[in-house]
């Protein structure tokens, strides 16, 4: 079933974040009007502000990519913020979307919402089939609630609210906080600094053995537009490459990308998190979408963007 987005008003909350900015780049190729808001424009945790925005802007479609995000350290340190803020954001945007007649809404969950020890590759039906990874359960529970909220509105009100489960992301507008960032940003900045300071080694958290799947954020944005046009069902669809790499080998790729010549050391006192997390992307492939940016090329683009930002 195809859904036309031509001439639609599409709201992208969190437009200055990594995913939001990628969506803005992708939507420039479509015949749509984009309503882009940032946290400075609108506090998505505030019910009255969100309600007023819907009333005045009247969007036809919504891509809810805005969320409080962070790596293992951030999730462990701020559990109340991760579950509380994300629940408030989701409830306000999704519930008011129905109230104000939004025709279609896409909610972005997260692959960390799947059980810690589920079979690989991870199929969509594994959701809620086991315990979560403790280091990010607060964020994961909030994301599961968002998926279930979309499904509940489909069931009770026949709202065309859909969900997707992106894998680990990297790309322009990533967060480079020294403690709270995700793996790609943390390693890229660490290797860049080491190269600049002519250090002899770079420390990578954990053993380097866990396997992770990485998707360029521009591929995610393309998948979001594809799903708006081509998907309308309750299950949250996986978005990823279907390929994974060990953290150790990923660190070596970034080392090569940056041009660092020293050694890599592993801090085994830091947690590894889930050992493996590779998504089964057969369903979105069957619909006709596949990622286009391979990891090596994507990391080069990522570092180029990072360097350009450093020169500003």
Protein backbone atom coordinates (compact mmCIF):
# COMPACT_ATOMS: atom_id res chain seq x y z
CA UNK A 1 0.00 0.00 0.00
CA UNK A 2 1.51 3.31 -1.09
CA UNK A 3 0.95 6.58 0.77
CA UNK A 4 1.51 9.89 -1.01
CA UNK A 5 3.41 12.59 0.87
CA UNK A 6 3.20 15.13 -1.96
CA UNK A 7 2.35 18.64 -0.73
CA UNK A 8 2.17 17.39 2.87
CA UNK A 9 3.23 19.41 5.89
CA UNK A 10 5.70 17.20 7.76
CA UNK A 11 6.69 18.02 11.32
CA UNK A 12 10.22 17.03 12.33
CA UNK A 13 10.68 17.73 16.07
CA UNK A 14 14.30 17.70 17.21
CA UNK A 15 15.38 19.08 13.85
CA UNK A 16 18.87 20.09 15.01
CA UNK A 17 19.79 16.62 16.27
CA UNK A 18 21.63 13.94 14.32
CA UNK A 19 18.49 12.19 13.06
CA UNK A 20 16.41 15.34 12.72
CA UNK A 21 19.00 17.18 10.63
CA UNK A 22 19.39 14.11 8.40
CA UNK A 23 15.63 14.07 7.88
CA UNK A 24 15.73 17.73 6.84
CA UNK A 25 18.43 16.94 4.26
CA UNK A 26 16.42 14.02 2.89
CA UNK A 27 13.07 15.82 2.81
CA UNK A 28 14.54 18.56 0.60
CA UNK A 29 14.25 16.01 -2.23
CA UNK A 30 10.48 15.70 -1.71
CA UNK A 31 7.60 17.97 -2.64
CA UNK A 32 6.70 18.72 0.98
CA UNK A 33 6.62 21.56 3.49
CA UNK A 34 8.83 20.80 6.48
CA UNK A 35 7.97 22.12 9.94
CA UNK A 36 11.28 21.96 11.78
CA UNK A 37 11.42 22.63 15.52
CA UNK A 38 14.23 22.36 18.08
CA UNK A 39 14.20 22.21 21.87
CA UNK A 40 14.77 25.98 21.85
CA UNK A 41 11.53 26.45 19.91
CA UNK A 42 9.39 23.93 21.73
CA UNK A 43 9.68 21.86 24.91
CA UNK A 44 8.20 18.51 23.87
CA UNK A 45 7.84 17.56 27.55
CA UNK A 46 5.32 20.37 28.00
CA UNK A 47 1.80 19.24 27.08
CA UNK A 48 0.47 22.75 26.61
CA UNK A 49 3.30 23.78 24.30
CA UNK A 50 2.89 20.67 22.13
CA UNK A 51 -0.88 21.10 22.01
CA UNK A 52 -0.52 24.74 20.95
CA UNK A 53 1.99 23.82 18.26
CA UNK A 54 -0.36 21.24 16.74
CA UNK A 55 -3.24 23.72 16.86
CA UNK A 56 -1.30 26.45 15.06
CA UNK A 57 0.91 24.47 12.66
CA UNK A 58 -1.57 21.71 11.68
CA UNK A 59 0.98 19.16 10.37
CA UNK A 60 -0.27 16.33 8.14
CA UNK A 61 2.58 13.95 9.00
CA UNK A 62 5.01 13.59 11.91
CA UNK A 63 8.39 11.85 12.16
CA UNK A 64 9.14 11.57 15.86
CA UNK A 65 12.89 11.28 16.07
CA UNK A 66 13.33 13.64 19.04
CA UNK A 67 14.49 11.90 22.20
CA UNK A 68 16.91 12.11 25.09
CA UNK A 69 19.78 9.88 23.97
CA UNK A 70 23.24 8.87 25.16
CA UNK A 71 25.70 6.03 25.59
CA UNK A 72 26.17 3.46 28.36
CA UNK A 73 27.60 5.98 30.86
CA UNK A 74 24.76 8.46 30.34
CA UNK A 75 22.07 5.78 30.67
CA UNK A 76 23.63 4.49 33.89
CA UNK A 77 24.08 7.97 35.37
CA UNK A 78 20.73 9.57 34.50
CA UNK A 79 18.11 6.76 34.54
CA UNK A 80 15.23 8.99 35.71
CA UNK A 81 15.89 11.51 32.94
CA UNK A 82 16.08 8.83 30.25
CA UNK A 83 12.80 7.18 31.12
CA UNK A 84 10.95 10.28 32.31
CA UNK A 85 11.84 12.73 29.54
CA UNK A 86 11.30 10.20 26.76
CA UNK A 87 7.91 9.10 28.09
CA UNK A 88 6.77 12.72 28.32
CA UNK A 89 7.97 13.52 24.78
CA UNK A 90 6.34 10.44 23.26
CA UNK A 91 3.04 10.79 25.08
CA UNK A 92 2.67 14.45 24.20
CA UNK A 93 3.53 14.10 20.50
CA UNK A 94 1.67 10.83 19.80
CA UNK A 95 -1.50 11.46 21.81
CA UNK A 96 -1.91 14.99 20.44
CA UNK A 97 -1.26 13.77 16.91
CA UNK A 98 -4.52 11.84 17.05
CA UNK A 99 -6.37 14.74 18.66
CA UNK A 100 -5.28 17.15 15.90
CA UNK A 101 -5.93 14.85 12.94
CA UNK A 102 -2.40 13.88 11.88
CA UNK A 103 -2.73 11.54 8.88
CA UNK A 104 0.41 9.50 9.55
CA UNK A 105 3.06 9.37 12.25
CA UNK A 106 6.38 7.51 12.31
CA UNK A 107 7.88 6.82 15.74
CA UNK A 108 11.54 5.84 15.98
CA UNK A 109 12.29 3.25 18.63
CA UNK A 110 15.72 1.70 19.20
CA UNK A 111 17.37 -1.66 18.72
CA UNK A 112 18.37 -1.56 22.41
CA UNK A 113 14.71 -2.27 23.19
CA UNK A 114 15.21 -5.90 22.22
CA UNK A 115 16.07 -8.49 24.91
CA UNK A 116 19.73 -8.69 25.92
CA UNK A 117 20.22 -12.35 24.99
CA UNK A 118 17.86 -12.86 22.06
CA UNK A 119 18.84 -14.92 19.00
CA UNK A 120 20.82 -13.29 16.18
CA UNK A 121 20.00 -11.70 13.85
CA UNK A 122 17.25 -9.99 15.83
CA UNK A 123 13.77 -10.36 14.34
CA UNK A 124 10.98 -7.87 15.02
CA UNK A 125 8.92 -10.51 16.85
CA UNK A 126 11.62 -10.86 19.56
CA UNK A 127 10.45 -7.63 21.21
CA UNK A 128 9.41 -8.27 24.86
CA UNK A 129 10.62 -11.88 24.74
CA UNK A 130 13.20 -11.52 27.51
CA UNK A 131 15.08 -9.27 29.98
CA UNK A 132 16.69 -6.06 28.72
CA UNK A 133 20.35 -5.04 28.88
CA UNK A 134 20.60 -3.38 32.35
CA UNK A 135 22.91 -0.57 31.19
CA UNK A 136 20.20 1.00 28.98
CA UNK A 137 16.92 -0.45 30.26
CA UNK A 138 15.46 2.96 31.20
CA UNK A 139 15.75 4.29 27.65
CA UNK A 140 14.66 0.95 26.21
CA UNK A 141 11.50 0.78 28.33
CA UNK A 142 10.52 4.28 27.24
CA UNK A 143 11.00 3.34 23.58
CA UNK A 144 8.95 0.15 24.00
CA UNK A 145 6.18 2.26 25.53
CA UNK A 146 6.26 4.55 22.48
CA UNK A 147 5.91 1.59 20.11
CA UNK A 148 3.04 0.18 22.14
CA UNK A 149 1.34 3.57 22.26
CA UNK A 150 1.40 3.75 18.45
CA UNK A 151 0.01 0.21 18.26
CA UNK A 152 -2.72 1.04 20.77
CA UNK A 153 -3.85 4.05 18.72
CA UNK A 154 -3.87 1.90 15.58
CA UNK A 155 -6.02 -0.71 17.33
CA UNK A 156 -8.48 1.57 19.10
CA UNK A 157 -8.73 4.54 16.71
CA UNK A 158 -7.33 3.15 13.42
CA UNK A 159 -4.65 5.84 13.39
CA UNK A 160 -1.94 5.28 10.80
CA UNK A 161 0.84 5.40 13.40
CA UNK A 162 3.87 3.25 12.56
CA UNK A 163 7.19 2.52 14.28
CA UNK A 164 10.73 1.59 13.30
CA UNK A 165 13.73 0.15 15.15
CA UNK A 166 16.99 1.75 13.93
CA UNK A 167 20.31 0.14 14.73
CA UNK A 168 23.33 2.09 16.06
CA UNK A 169 23.79 5.36 14.18
CA UNK A 170 26.66 7.65 13.23
CA UNK A 171 27.02 10.73 11.05
CA UNK A 172 26.76 14.52 10.98
CA UNK A 173 25.45 16.27 14.11
CA UNK A 174 26.44 13.39 16.38
CA UNK A 175 27.13 14.24 20.03
CA UNK A 176 30.80 14.25 21.06
CA UNK A 177 30.41 14.50 24.83
CA UNK A 178 33.53 12.87 26.37
CA UNK A 179 31.51 10.65 28.76
CA UNK A 180 27.96 10.49 27.42
CA UNK A 181 28.44 9.97 23.66
CA UNK A 182 27.83 6.78 21.70
CA UNK A 183 30.65 4.53 20.44
CA UNK A 184 31.28 6.12 16.99
CA UNK A 185 31.50 9.69 18.31
CA UNK A 186 33.53 8.71 21.37
CA UNK A 187 36.09 6.82 19.30
CA UNK A 188 36.31 9.34 16.47
CA UNK A 189 37.05 12.24 18.80
CA UNK A 190 39.43 10.12 20.90
CA UNK A 191 41.50 9.01 17.90
CA UNK A 192 41.49 12.52 16.41
CA UNK A 193 42.78 14.03 19.68
CA UNK A 194 45.41 11.30 20.01
CA UNK A 195 46.62 11.96 16.49
CA UNK A 196 46.79 15.70 17.09
CA UNK A 197 48.68 15.26 20.37
CA UNK A 198 50.93 12.52 18.92
CA UNK A 199 49.96 10.07 21.65
CA UNK A 200 51.36 6.55 21.60
CA UNK A 201 48.03 4.83 22.25
CA UNK A 202 44.25 5.24 22.45
CA UNK A 203 42.09 3.54 25.07
CA UNK A 204 38.85 1.85 23.99
CA UNK A 205 36.24 1.00 26.63
CA UNK A 206 35.55 -2.70 27.24
CA UNK A 207 37.17 -5.78 25.77
CA UNK A 208 36.63 -4.88 22.11
CA UNK A 209 34.89 -8.21 21.54
CA UNK A 210 31.19 -7.19 21.40
CA UNK A 211 29.69 -6.99 17.92
CA UNK A 212 27.73 -3.98 16.74
CA UNK A 213 25.89 -2.90 13.61
CA UNK A 214 26.37 0.70 12.45
CA UNK A 215 24.14 2.68 10.06
CA UNK A 216 24.89 6.09 8.58
CA UNK A 217 22.20 8.53 9.67
CA UNK A 218 21.51 9.61 6.07
CA UNK A 219 20.53 6.03 5.30
CA UNK A 220 18.15 6.09 8.27
CA UNK A 221 16.54 9.30 7.00
CA UNK A 222 16.06 7.70 3.59
CA UNK A 223 14.45 4.66 5.24
CA UNK A 224 12.07 6.90 7.21
CA UNK A 225 10.78 8.57 4.05
CA UNK A 226 10.49 5.16 2.41
CA UNK A 227 8.40 3.82 5.30
CA UNK A 228 6.10 6.83 5.26
CA UNK A 229 5.35 6.04 1.64
CA UNK A 230 5.31 2.25 1.73
CA UNK A 231 4.47 0.87 5.18
CA UNK A 232 1.30 0.83 7.25
CA UNK A 233 1.15 -1.90 9.89
CA UNK A 234 1.49 -2.35 13.66
CA UNK A 235 4.88 -4.14 14.03
CA UNK A 236 7.95 -1.91 14.37
CA UNK A 237 10.23 -2.58 11.40
CA UNK A 238 13.99 -2.95 11.78
CA UNK A 239 16.23 -0.46 9.98
CA UNK A 240 19.88 -1.40 9.59
CA UNK A 241 22.55 -2.89 7.39
CA UNK A 242 22.21 -6.49 8.53
CA UNK A 243 26.00 -6.54 9.01
CA UNK A 244 28.02 -6.23 12.22
CA UNK A 245 31.61 -5.69 13.30
CA UNK A 246 33.50 -6.13 16.58
CA UNK A 247 34.20 -2.97 18.58
CA UNK A 248 37.90 -3.79 18.24
CA UNK A 249 37.74 -3.93 14.46
CA UNK A 250 35.53 -0.85 14.39
CA UNK A 251 38.18 1.00 16.39
CA UNK A 252 40.80 -0.10 13.85
CA UNK A 253 38.64 1.30 11.03
CA UNK A 254 38.39 4.65 12.79
CA UNK A 255 42.12 4.57 13.53
CA UNK A 256 42.76 4.17 9.78
CA UNK A 257 40.19 6.83 8.86
CA UNK A 258 41.79 9.39 11.18
CA UNK A 259 45.35 8.37 10.32
CA UNK A 260 46.47 7.49 13.86
CA UNK A 261 49.65 5.39 13.95
CA UNK A 262 49.76 4.38 17.63
CA UNK A 263 48.40 1.39 19.52
CA UNK A 264 44.90 0.51 20.70
CA UNK A 265 44.46 -0.47 24.35
CA UNK A 266 41.28 -1.86 25.93
CA UNK A 267 39.97 -0.76 29.33
CA UNK A 268 38.33 -3.98 30.53
CA UNK A 269 37.09 -2.27 33.71
CA UNK A 270 34.46 -0.55 31.54
CA UNK A 271 31.24 -2.46 30.69
CA UNK A 272 30.81 -4.13 27.29
CA UNK A 273 27.02 -4.02 27.25
CA UNK A 274 25.16 -6.55 25.12
CA UNK A 275 27.59 -8.92 23.40
CA UNK A 276 25.91 -8.92 20.00
CA UNK A 277 23.14 -6.87 18.44
CA UNK A 278 22.58 -7.40 14.72
CA UNK A 279 19.17 -6.72 13.22
CA UNK A 280 17.30 -8.96 10.82
CA UNK A 281 16.43 -6.50 8.04
CA UNK A 282 14.73 -8.99 5.72
CA UNK A 283 11.30 -7.37 6.13
CA UNK A 284 12.36 -3.88 5.07
CA UNK A 285 14.45 -5.44 2.28
CA UNK A 286 11.34 -7.26 1.06
CA UNK A 287 9.54 -3.91 0.87
CA UNK A 288 12.31 -2.61 -1.38
CA UNK A 289 14.67 -0.58 0.83
CA UNK A 290 18.39 -1.21 1.45
CA UNK A 291 21.17 0.91 2.92
CA UNK A 292 23.51 2.60 0.40
CA UNK A 293 26.46 3.86 2.46
CA UNK A 294 29.03 1.19 3.37
CA UNK A 295 30.84 1.56 6.71
CA UNK A 296 34.26 2.52 5.36
CA UNK A 297 32.83 5.23 3.07
CA UNK A 298 30.48 6.40 5.79
CA UNK A 299 33.27 6.85 8.32
CA UNK A 300 35.24 8.93 5.82
CA UNK A 301 32.22 11.20 5.32
CA UNK A 302 31.72 11.32 9.08
CA UNK A 303 35.33 12.41 9.73
CA UNK A 304 35.21 14.95 6.91
CA UNK A 305 32.16 16.55 8.53
CA UNK A 306 33.91 16.48 11.92
CA UNK A 307 36.99 18.24 10.53
CA UNK A 308 34.89 20.87 8.78
CA UNK A 309 33.18 21.61 12.10
CA UNK A 310 36.55 21.97 13.83
CA UNK A 311 37.62 24.60 11.29
CA UNK A 312 34.56 26.80 11.82
